[in-house]
Amino acid sequence: MQRTVYITRLRPEYREQYIEAHRNVPRELLEKYRGAGIRDVAVYLKDDTLVLVIDEEGPPGARETLANDPACAAWEEKMRPMKSAEDYQPMTEVFREPL
């Protein structure tokens, strides 16, 4: 299992809309994620900072394989204006120790 963590900024005027959208993620989209090997996805919000955590099985890059899927493209298009122009930037893991 590979974990990837990304960070971006939420545009403050979209806070409630972004939270509401994530209360109603389309089932079709989640099924696409599962089919691409994603086993867990979480989004954390602190002030205007968003952190995305993805756990995927198999070779890395499941998120990239979804880029041309219509359901995924529609979701990304809906979310894009709510986030900063940098979108999600990968973070570097500094420490993790399973206990």
PDB file of N, CA and C in Angstrom:
ATOM      1  N   MET A   1       0.862  -1.177   0.000  1.00  0.00           N
ATOM      2  CA  MET A   1       0.000   0.000   0.000  1.00  0.00           C
ATOM      3  C   MET A   1       0.901   1.231   0.000  1.00  0.00           C
ATOM      4  N   GLN A   2       0.574   2.174  -0.844  1.00  0.00           N
ATOM      5  CA  GLN A   2       1.330   3.424  -0.907  1.00  0.00           C
ATOM      6  C   GLN A   2       0.433   4.572  -0.474  1.00  0.00           C
ATOM      7  N   ARG A   3       0.952   5.421   0.381  1.00  0.00           N
ATOM      8  CA  ARG A   3       0.219   6.609   0.818  1.00  0.00           C
ATOM      9  C   ARG A   3       0.853   7.828   0.166  1.00  0.00           C
ATOM     10  N   THR A   4       0.001   8.706  -0.369  1.00  0.00           N
ATOM     11  CA  THR A   4       0.447   9.970  -0.936  1.00  0.00           C
ATOM     12  C   THR A   4      -0.349  11.076  -0.267  1.00  0.00           C
ATOM     13  N   VAL A   5       0.337  12.160   0.082  1.00  0.00           N
ATOM     14  CA  VAL A   5      -0.308  13.283   0.763  1.00  0.00           C
ATOM     15  C   VAL A   5      -0.072  14.542  -0.068  1.00  0.00           C
ATOM     16  N   TYR A   6      -1.136  15.307  -0.243  1.00  0.00           N
ATOM     17  CA  TYR A   6      -1.094  16.540  -1.030  1.00  0.00           C
ATOM     18  C   TYR A   6      -1.629  17.690  -0.181  1.00  0.00           C
ATOM     19  N   ILE A   7      -1.221  18.892  -0.517  1.00  0.00           N
ATOM     20  CA  ILE A   7      -1.702  20.076   0.200  1.00  0.00           C
ATOM     21  C   ILE A   7      -2.087  21.159  -0.813  1.00  0.00           C
ATOM     22  N   THR A   8      -3.107  21.932  -0.468  1.00  0.00           N
ATOM     23  CA  THR A   8      -3.504  23.084  -1.274  1.00  0.00           C
ATOM     24  C   THR A   8      -4.257  24.052  -0.378  1.00  0.00           C
ATOM     25  N   ARG A   9      -4.681  25.137  -0.942  1.00  0.00           N
ATOM     26  CA  ARG A   9      -5.459  26.147  -0.211  1.00  0.00           C
ATOM     27  C   ARG A   9      -6.882  26.177  -0.744  1.00  0.00           C
ATOM     28  N   LEU A  10      -7.808  26.287   0.174  1.00  0.00           N
ATOM     29  CA  LEU A  10      -9.216  26.469  -0.166  1.00  0.00           C
ATOM     30  C   LEU A  10      -9.484  27.966  -0.243  1.00  0.00           C
ATOM     31  N   ARG A  11     -10.178  28.375  -1.258  1.00  0.00           N
ATOM     32  CA  ARG A  11     -10.585  29.781  -1.346  1.00  0.00           C
ATOM     33  C   ARG A  11     -11.684  29.984  -0.302  1.00  0.00           C
ATOM     34  N   PRO A  12     -11.482  30.881   0.651  1.00  0.00           N
ATOM     35  CA  PRO A  12     -12.392  31.014   1.808  1.00  0.00           C
ATOM     36  C   PRO A  12     -13.860  31.196   1.443  1.00  0.00           C
ATOM     37  N   GLU A  13     -14.135  31.865   0.351  1.00  0.00           N
ATOM     38  CA  GLU A  13     -15.536  32.107  -0.021  1.00  0.00           C
ATOM     39  C   GLU A  13     -16.262  30.827  -0.445  1.00  0.00           C
ATOM     40  N   TYR A  14     -15.518  29.736  -0.653  1.00  0.00           N
ATOM     41  CA  TYR A  14     -16.110  28.461  -1.059  1.00  0.00           C
ATOM     42  C   TYR A  14     -16.149  27.428   0.073  1.00  0.00           C
ATOM     43  N   ARG A  15     -15.788  27.829   1.274  1.00  0.00           N
ATOM     44  CA  ARG A  15     -15.671  26.875   2.381  1.00  0.00           C
ATOM     45  C   ARG A  15     -16.911  25.995   2.546  1.00  0.00           C
ATOM     46  N   GLU A  16     -18.058  26.591   2.732  1.00  0.00           N
ATOM     47  CA  GLU A  16     -19.283  25.804   2.978  1.00  0.00           C
ATOM     48  C   GLU A  16     -19.665  24.971   1.758  1.00  0.00           C
ATOM     49  N   GLN A  17     -19.508  25.516   0.580  1.00  0.00           N
ATOM     50  CA  GLN A  17     -19.830  24.781  -0.647  1.00  0.00           C
ATOM     51  C   GLN A  17     -18.912  23.560  -0.794  1.00  0.00           C
ATOM     52  N   TYR A  18     -17.635  23.727  -0.472  1.00  0.00           N
ATOM     53  CA  TYR A  18     -16.669  22.630  -0.575  1.00  0.00           C
ATOM     54  C   TYR A  18     -17.007  21.524   0.429  1.00  0.00           C
ATOM     55  N   ILE A  19     -17.298  21.910   1.656  1.00  0.00           N
ATOM     56  CA  ILE A  19     -17.663  20.926   2.683  1.00  0.00           C
ATOM     57  C   ILE A  19     -18.925  20.183   2.277  1.00  0.00           C
ATOM     58  N   GLU A  20     -19.922  20.906   1.814  1.00  0.00           N
ATOM     59  CA  GLU A  20     -21.183  20.266   1.395  1.00  0.00           C
ATOM     60  C   GLU A  20     -20.963  19.309   0.234  1.00  0.00           C
ATOM     61  N   ALA A  21     -20.140  19.686  -0.720  1.00  0.00           N
ATOM     62  CA  ALA A  21     -19.859  18.797  -1.858  1.00  0.00           C
ATOM     63  C   ALA A  21     -19.251  17.488  -1.380  1.00  0.00           C
ATOM     64  N   HIS A  22     -18.412  17.549  -0.356  1.00  0.00           N
ATOM     65  CA  HIS A  22     -17.760  16.337   0.136  1.00  0.00           C
ATOM     66  C   HIS A  22     -18.658  15.505   1.056  1.00  0.00           C
ATOM     67  N   ARG A  23     -19.770  16.053   1.445  1.00  0.00           N
ATOM     68  CA  ARG A  23     -20.790  15.257   2.152  1.00  0.00           C
ATOM     69  C   ARG A  23     -21.602  14.433   1.156  1.00  0.00           C
ATOM     70  N   ASN A  24     -21.491  14.788  -0.125  1.00  0.00           N
ATOM     71  CA  ASN A  24     -22.295  14.156  -1.172  1.00  0.00           C
ATOM     72  C   ASN A  24     -21.446  13.754  -2.368  1.00  0.00           C
ATOM     73  N   VAL A  25     -20.313  13.115  -2.121  1.00  0.00           N
ATOM     74  CA  VAL A  25     -19.460  12.659  -3.221  1.00  0.00           C
ATOM     75  C   VAL A  25     -20.228  11.595  -4.004  1.00  0.00           C
ATOM     76  N   PRO A  26     -20.305  11.729  -5.318  1.00  0.00           N
ATOM     77  CA  PRO A  26     -21.058  10.754  -6.116  1.00  0.00           C
ATOM     78  C   PRO A  26     -20.516   9.327  -5.965  1.00  0.00           C
ATOM     79  N   ARG A  27     -21.414   8.383  -5.771  1.00  0.00           N
ATOM     80  CA  ARG A  27     -21.040   6.958  -5.636  1.00  0.00           C
ATOM     81  C   ARG A  27     -20.242   6.495  -6.850  1.00  0.00           C
ATOM     82  N   GLU A  28     -20.618   6.958  -8.030  1.00  0.00           N
ATOM     83  CA  GLU A  28     -19.919   6.576  -9.263  1.00  0.00           C
ATOM     84  C   GLU A  28     -18.438   6.966  -9.180  1.00  0.00           C
ATOM     85  N   LEU A  29     -18.173   8.125  -8.632  1.00  0.00           N
ATOM     86  CA  LEU A  29     -16.793   8.592  -8.492  1.00  0.00           C
ATOM     87  C   LEU A  29     -16.022   7.692  -7.527  1.00  0.00           C
ATOM     88  N   LEU A  30     -16.626   7.353  -6.404  1.00  0.00           N
ATOM     89  CA  LEU A  30     -15.964   6.482  -5.433  1.00  0.00           C
ATOM     90  C   LEU A  30     -15.697   5.094  -6.018  1.00  0.00           C
ATOM     91  N   GLU A  31     -16.618   4.601  -6.835  1.00  0.00           N
ATOM     92  CA  GLU A  31     -16.411   3.309  -7.502  1.00  0.00           C
ATOM     93  C   GLU A  31     -15.231   3.381  -8.473  1.00  0.00           C
ATOM     94  N   LYS A  32     -15.091   4.506  -9.167  1.00  0.00           N
ATOM     95  CA  LYS A  32     -13.943   4.687 -10.079  1.00  0.00           C
ATOM     96  C   LYS A  32     -12.645   4.661  -9.282  1.00  0.00           C
ATOM     97  N   TYR A  33     -12.637   5.336  -8.136  1.00  0.00           N
ATOM     98  CA  TYR A  33     -11.447   5.330  -7.280  1.00  0.00           C
ATOM     99  C   TYR A  33     -11.088   3.901  -6.875  1.00  0.00           C
ATOM    100  N   ARG A  34     -12.087   3.147  -6.413  1.00  0.00           N
ATOM    101  CA  ARG A  34     -11.840   1.752  -6.007  1.00  0.00           C
ATOM    102  C   ARG A  34     -11.282   0.936  -7.166  1.00  0.00           C
ATOM    103  N   GLY A  35     -11.868   1.108  -8.342  1.00  0.00           N
ATOM    104  CA  GLY A  35     -11.425   0.375  -9.516  1.00  0.00           C
ATOM    105  C   GLY A  35      -9.997   0.707  -9.925  1.00  0.00           C
ATOM    106  N   ALA A  36      -9.529   1.902  -9.555  1.00  0.00           N
ATOM    107  CA  ALA A  36      -8.159   2.316  -9.884  1.00  0.00           C
ATOM    108  C   ALA A  36      -7.165   1.911  -8.802  1.00  0.00           C
ATOM    109  N   GLY A  37      -7.641   1.232  -7.764  1.00  0.00           N
ATOM    110  CA  GLY A  37      -6.735   0.765  -6.717  1.00  0.00           C
ATOM    111  C   GLY A  37      -6.661   1.654  -5.492  1.00  0.00           C
ATOM    112  N   ILE A  38      -7.452   2.714  -5.462  1.00  0.00           N
ATOM    113  CA  ILE A  38      -7.464   3.575  -4.283  1.00  0.00           C
ATOM    114  C   ILE A  38      -8.297   2.889  -3.208  1.00  0.00           C
ATOM    115  N   ARG A  39      -7.701   2.703  -2.046  1.00  0.00           N
ATOM    116  CA  ARG A  39      -8.379   1.996  -0.961  1.00  0.00           C
ATOM    117  C   ARG A  39      -8.860   2.921   0.148  1.00  0.00           C
ATOM    118  N   ASP A  40      -8.286   4.115   0.200  1.00  0.00           N
ATOM    119  CA  ASP A  40      -8.708   5.074   1.212  1.00  0.00           C
ATOM    120  C   ASP A  40      -8.380   6.468   0.702  1.00  0.00           C
ATOM    121  N   VAL A  41      -9.307   7.377   0.877  1.00  0.00           N
ATOM    122  CA  VAL A  41      -9.071   8.771   0.508  1.00  0.00           C
ATOM    123  C   VAL A  41      -9.696   9.637   1.600  1.00  0.00           C
ATOM    124  N   ALA A  42      -8.942  10.645   2.035  1.00  0.00           N
ATOM    125  CA  ALA A  42      -9.425  11.538   3.083  1.00  0.00           C
ATOM    126  C   ALA A  42      -8.986  12.955   2.757  1.00  0.00           C
ATOM    127  N   VAL A  43      -9.857  13.914   3.093  1.00  0.00           N
ATOM    128  CA  VAL A  43      -9.530  15.326   2.935  1.00  0.00           C
ATOM    129  C   VAL A  43      -9.680  15.966   4.319  1.00  0.00           C
ATOM    130  N   TYR A  44      -8.646  16.697   4.729  1.00  0.00           N
ATOM    131  CA  TYR A  44      -8.651  17.400   6.001  1.00  0.00           C
ATOM    132  C   TYR A  44      -8.618  18.895   5.720  1.00  0.00           C
ATOM    133  N   LEU A  45      -9.300  19.654   6.575  1.00  0.00           N
ATOM    134  CA  LEU A  45      -9.381  21.099   6.403  1.00  0.00           C
ATOM    135  C   LEU A  45      -9.026  21.786   7.717  1.00  0.00           C
ATOM    136  N   LYS A  46      -8.097  22.734   7.665  1.00  0.00           N
ATOM    137  CA  LYS A  46      -7.735  23.583   8.805  1.00  0.00           C
ATOM    138  C   LYS A  46      -7.631  25.002   8.269  1.00  0.00           C
ATOM    139  N   ASP A  47      -8.528  25.860   8.728  1.00  0.00           N
ATOM    140  CA  ASP A  47      -8.603  27.225   8.208  1.00  0.00           C
ATOM    141  C   ASP A  47      -8.800  27.154   6.691  1.00  0.00           C
ATOM    142  N   ASP A  48      -7.826  27.602   5.898  1.00  0.00           N
ATOM    143  CA  ASP A  48      -7.977  27.501   4.441  1.00  0.00           C
ATOM    144  C   ASP A  48      -6.998  26.494   3.835  1.00  0.00           C
ATOM    145  N   THR A  49      -6.420  25.637   4.671  1.00  0.00           N
ATOM    146  CA  THR A  49      -5.491  24.620   4.192  1.00  0.00           C
ATOM    147  C   THR A  49      -6.207  23.283   4.040  1.00  0.00           C
ATOM    148  N   LEU A  50      -6.097  22.701   2.850  1.00  0.00           N
ATOM    149  CA  LEU A  50      -6.665  21.384   2.570  1.00  0.00           C
ATOM    150  C   LEU A  50      -5.523  20.383   2.448  1.00  0.00           C
ATOM    151  N   VAL A  51      -5.697  19.221   3.067  1.00  0.00           N
ATOM    152  CA  VAL A  51      -4.738  18.128   2.954  1.00  0.00           C
ATOM    153  C   VAL A  51      -5.494  16.909   2.441  1.00  0.00           C
ATOM    154  N   LEU A  52      -4.996  16.337   1.363  1.00  0.00           N
ATOM    155  CA  LEU A  52      -5.586  15.151   0.743  1.00  0.00           C
ATOM    156  C   LEU A  52      -4.657  13.974   0.994  1.00  0.00           C
ATOM    157  N   VAL A  53      -5.205  12.878   1.535  1.00  0.00           N
ATOM    158  CA  VAL A  53      -4.425  11.670   1.814  1.00  0.00           C
ATOM    159  C   VAL A  53      -5.030  10.534   1.001  1.00  0.00           C
ATOM    160  N   ILE A  54      -4.196   9.886   0.191  1.00  0.00           N
ATOM    161  CA  ILE A  54      -4.652   8.785  -0.663  1.00  0.00           C
ATOM    162  C   ILE A  54      -3.807   7.556  -0.366  1.00  0.00           C
ATOM    163  N   ASP A  55      -4.474   6.433  -0.066  1.00  0.00           N
ATOM    164  CA  ASP A  55      -3.813   5.137   0.060  1.00  0.00           C
ATOM    165  C   ASP A  55      -4.229   4.303  -1.136  1.00  0.00           C
ATOM    166  N   GLU A  56      -3.227   3.815  -1.880  1.00  0.00           N
ATOM    167  CA  GLU A  56      -3.541   3.017  -3.065  1.00  0.00           C
ATOM    168  C   GLU A  56      -2.702   1.753  -3.095  1.00  0.00           C
ATOM    169  N   GLU A  57      -3.287   0.722  -3.675  1.00  0.00           N
ATOM    170  CA  GLU A  57      -2.607  -0.556  -3.854  1.00  0.00           C
ATOM    171  C   GLU A  57      -2.022  -0.616  -5.252  1.00  0.00           C
ATOM    172  N   GLY A  58      -1.036  -1.487  -5.391  1.00  0.00           N
ATOM    173  CA  GLY A  58      -0.454  -1.674  -6.714  1.00  0.00           C
ATOM    174  C   GLY A  58       0.479  -0.553  -7.068  1.00  0.00           C
ATOM    175  N   PRO A  59       0.756  -0.389  -8.362  1.00  0.00           N
ATOM    176  CA  PRO A  59       1.709   0.640  -8.772  1.00  0.00           C
ATOM    177  C   PRO A  59       1.176   2.036  -8.464  1.00  0.00           C
ATOM    178  N   PRO A  60       2.064   2.976  -8.126  1.00  0.00           N
ATOM    179  CA  PRO A  60       1.617   4.338  -7.853  1.00  0.00           C
ATOM    180  C   PRO A  60       1.027   4.987  -9.097  1.00  0.00           C
ATOM    181  N   GLY A  61       0.218   5.996  -8.879  1.00  0.00           N
ATOM    182  CA  GLY A  61      -0.301   6.765 -10.002  1.00  0.00           C
ATOM    183  C   GLY A  61      -1.757   6.518 -10.324  1.00  0.00           C
ATOM    184  N   ALA A  62      -2.513   5.894  -9.432  1.00  0.00           N
ATOM    185  CA  ALA A  62      -3.931   5.657  -9.715  1.00  0.00           C
ATOM    186  C   ALA A  62      -4.654   6.960 -10.012  1.00  0.00           C
ATOM    187  N   ARG A  63      -4.291   7.999  -9.297  1.00  0.00           N
ATOM    188  CA  ARG A  63      -4.956   9.285  -9.514  1.00  0.00           C
ATOM    189  C   ARG A  63      -4.755   9.772 -10.944  1.00  0.00           C
ATOM    190  N   GLU A  64      -3.567   9.557 -11.484  1.00  0.00           N
ATOM    191  CA  GLU A  64      -3.296   9.984 -12.854  1.00  0.00           C
ATOM    192  C   GLU A  64      -4.096   9.168 -13.872  1.00  0.00           C
ATOM    193  N   THR A  65      -4.326   7.879 -13.580  1.00  0.00           N
ATOM    194  CA  THR A  65      -5.089   7.056 -14.522  1.00  0.00           C
ATOM    195  C   THR A  65      -6.548   7.492 -14.593  1.00  0.00           C
ATOM    196  N   LEU A  66      -7.004   8.201 -13.588  1.00  0.00           N
ATOM    197  CA  LEU A  66      -8.395   8.655 -13.557  1.00  0.00           C
ATOM    198  C   LEU A  66      -8.604   9.983 -14.295  1.00  0.00           C
ATOM    199  N   ALA A  67      -7.524  10.620 -14.700  1.00  0.00           N
ATOM    200  CA  ALA A  67      -7.608  11.965 -15.272  1.00  0.00           C
ATOM    201  C   ALA A  67      -8.535  12.063 -16.478  1.00  0.00           C
ATOM    202  N   ASN A  68      -8.641  11.008 -17.273  1.00  0.00           N
ATOM    203  CA  ASN A  68      -9.483  11.061 -18.476  1.00  0.00           C
ATOM    204  C   ASN A  68     -10.875  10.474 -18.277  1.00  0.00           C
ATOM    205  N   ASP A  69     -11.182  10.045 -17.069  1.00  0.00           N
ATOM    206  CA  ASP A  69     -12.505   9.473 -16.799  1.00  0.00           C
ATOM    207  C   ASP A  69     -13.533  10.605 -16.683  1.00  0.00           C
ATOM    208  N   PRO A  70     -14.675  10.497 -17.377  1.00  0.00           N
ATOM    209  CA  PRO A  70     -15.674  11.580 -17.350  1.00  0.00           C
ATOM    210  C   PRO A  70     -16.194  11.921 -15.953  1.00  0.00           C
ATOM    211  N   ALA A  71     -16.434  10.922 -15.109  1.00  0.00           N
ATOM    212  CA  ALA A  71     -16.936  11.193 -13.756  1.00  0.00           C
ATOM    213  C   ALA A  71     -15.887  11.938 -12.936  1.00  0.00           C
ATOM    214  N   CYS A  72     -14.647  11.536 -13.077  1.00  0.00           N
ATOM    215  CA  CYS A  72     -13.552  12.184 -12.343  1.00  0.00           C
ATOM    216  C   CYS A  72     -13.309  13.593 -12.865  1.00  0.00           C
ATOM    217  N   ALA A  73     -13.357  13.744 -14.181  1.00  0.00           N
ATOM    218  CA  ALA A  73     -13.150  15.063 -14.778  1.00  0.00           C
ATOM    219  C   ALA A  73     -14.253  16.034 -14.334  1.00  0.00           C
ATOM    220  N   ALA A  74     -15.487  15.564 -14.254  1.00  0.00           N
ATOM    221  CA  ALA A  74     -16.602  16.413 -13.820  1.00  0.00           C
ATOM    222  C   ALA A  74     -16.414  16.855 -12.365  1.00  0.00           C
ATOM    223  N   TRP A  75     -15.981  15.929 -11.512  1.00  0.00           N
ATOM    224  CA  TRP A  75     -15.738  16.271 -10.105  1.00  0.00           C
ATOM    225  C   TRP A  75     -14.605  17.299  -9.986  1.00  0.00           C
ATOM    226  N   GLU A  76     -13.517  17.058 -10.688  1.00  0.00           N
ATOM    227  CA  GLU A  76     -12.387  17.983 -10.636  1.00  0.00           C
ATOM    228  C   GLU A  76     -12.780  19.364 -11.144  1.00  0.00           C
ATOM    229  N   GLU A  77     -13.580  19.407 -12.187  1.00  0.00           N
ATOM    230  CA  GLU A  77     -14.046  20.683 -12.733  1.00  0.00           C
ATOM    231  C   GLU A  77     -14.911  21.426 -11.718  1.00  0.00           C
ATOM    232  N   LYS A  78     -15.724  20.688 -10.976  1.00  0.00           N
ATOM    233  CA  LYS A  78     -16.572  21.284  -9.939  1.00  0.00           C
ATOM    234  C   LYS A  78     -15.730  21.832  -8.783  1.00  0.00           C
ATOM    235  N   MET A  79     -14.666  21.123  -8.423  1.00  0.00           N
ATOM    236  CA  MET A  79     -13.830  21.507  -7.280  1.00  0.00           C
ATOM    237  C   MET A  79     -12.804  22.587  -7.628  1.00  0.00           C
ATOM    238  N   ARG A  80     -12.352  22.631  -8.867  1.00  0.00           N
ATOM    239  CA  ARG A  80     -11.250  23.514  -9.280  1.00  0.00           C
ATOM    240  C   ARG A  80     -11.415  24.970  -8.846  1.00  0.00           C
ATOM    241  N   PRO A  81     -12.567  25.607  -9.069  1.00  0.00           N
ATOM    242  CA  PRO A  81     -12.663  27.030  -8.702  1.00  0.00           C
ATOM    243  C   PRO A  81     -12.620  27.274  -7.191  1.00  0.00           C
ATOM    244  N   MET A  82     -12.820  26.238  -6.412  1.00  0.00           N
ATOM    245  CA  MET A  82     -12.854  26.389  -4.958  1.00  0.00           C
ATOM    246  C   MET A  82     -11.466  26.373  -4.330  1.00  0.00           C
ATOM    247  N   LYS A  83     -10.475  25.923  -5.099  1.00  0.00           N
ATOM    248  CA  LYS A  83      -9.120  25.768  -4.582  1.00  0.00           C
ATOM    249  C   LYS A  83      -8.192  26.805  -5.201  1.00  0.00           C
ATOM    250  N   SER A  84      -7.030  26.975  -4.585  1.00  0.00           N
ATOM    251  CA  SER A  84      -6.040  27.911  -5.110  1.00  0.00           C
ATOM    252  C   SER A  84      -5.513  27.442  -6.452  1.00  0.00           C
ATOM    253  N   ALA A  85      -4.864  28.328  -7.145  1.00  0.00           N
ATOM    254  CA  ALA A  85      -4.349  28.019  -8.478  1.00  0.00           C
ATOM    255  C   ALA A  85      -3.307  26.908  -8.464  1.00  0.00           C
ATOM    256  N   GLU A  86      -2.616  26.713  -7.345  1.00  0.00           N
ATOM    257  CA  GLU A  86      -1.586  25.677  -7.281  1.00  0.00           C
ATOM    258  C   GLU A  86      -2.173  24.270  -7.274  1.00  0.00           C
ATOM    259  N   ASP A  87      -3.452  24.138  -6.979  1.00  0.00           N
ATOM    260  CA  ASP A  87      -4.102  22.845  -6.834  1.00  0.00           C
ATOM    261  C   ASP A  87      -3.318  22.013  -5.828  1.00  0.00           C
ATOM    262  N   TYR A  88      -3.450  20.703  -5.855  1.00  0.00           N
ATOM    263  CA  TYR A  88      -2.798  19.861  -4.861  1.00  0.00           C
ATOM    264  C   TYR A  88      -1.336  19.639  -5.194  1.00  0.00           C
ATOM    265  N   GLN A  89      -0.459  19.995  -4.246  1.00  0.00           N
ATOM    266  CA  GLN A  89       0.974  19.796  -4.380  1.00  0.00           C
ATOM    267  C   GLN A  89       1.382  18.620  -3.498  1.00  0.00           C
ATOM    268  N   PRO A  90       2.198  17.694  -4.012  1.00  0.00           N
ATOM    269  CA  PRO A  90       2.597  16.551  -3.194  1.00  0.00           C
ATOM    270  C   PRO A  90       3.478  16.981  -2.027  1.00  0.00           C
ATOM    271  N   MET A  91       3.276  16.323  -0.896  1.00  0.00           N
ATOM    272  CA  MET A  91       4.095  16.574   0.293  1.00  0.00           C
ATOM    273  C   MET A  91       5.109  15.425   0.419  1.00  0.00           C
ATOM    274  N   THR A  92       6.197  15.690   1.080  1.00  0.00           N
ATOM    275  CA  THR A  92       7.229  14.700   1.316  1.00  0.00           C
ATOM    276  C   THR A  92       7.072  14.117   2.709  1.00  0.00           C
ATOM    277  N   GLU A  93       6.992  12.803   2.777  1.00  0.00           N
ATOM    278  CA  GLU A  93       6.901  12.152   4.092  1.00  0.00           C
ATOM    279  C   GLU A  93       8.259  12.238   4.777  1.00  0.00           C
ATOM    280  N   VAL A  94       8.255  12.726   5.977  1.00  0.00           N
ATOM    281  CA  VAL A  94       9.481  12.883   6.745  1.00  0.00           C
ATOM    282  C   VAL A  94       9.638  11.753   7.761  1.00  0.00           C
ATOM    283  N   PHE A  95       8.522  11.301   8.321  1.00  0.00           N
ATOM    284  CA  PHE A  95       8.570  10.233   9.317  1.00  0.00           C
ATOM    285  C   PHE A  95       7.239   9.513   9.374  1.00  0.00           C
ATOM    286  N   ARG A  96       7.317   8.188   9.448  1.00  0.00           N
ATOM    287  CA  ARG A  96       6.149   7.351   9.725  1.00  0.00           C
ATOM    288  C   ARG A  96       6.677   6.043  10.275  1.00  0.00           C
ATOM    289  N   GLU A  97       6.107   5.610  11.373  1.00  0.00           N
ATOM    290  CA  GLU A  97       6.502   4.354  11.975  1.00  0.00           C
ATOM    291  C   GLU A  97       5.228   3.646  12.445  1.00  0.00           C
ATOM    292  N   PRO A  98       4.873   2.552  11.787  1.00  0.00           N
ATOM    293  CA  PRO A  98       3.703   1.789  12.258  1.00  0.00           C
ATOM    294  C   PRO A  98       3.959   1.278  13.677  1.00  0.00           C
ATOM    295  N   LEU A  99       3.024   1.541  14.553  1.00  0.00           N
ATOM    296  CA  LEU A  99       3.182   1.112  15.953  1.00  0.00           C
ATOM    297  C   LEU A  99       2.148   0.094  16.335  1.00  0.00           C
TER     298      LEU A  99
END
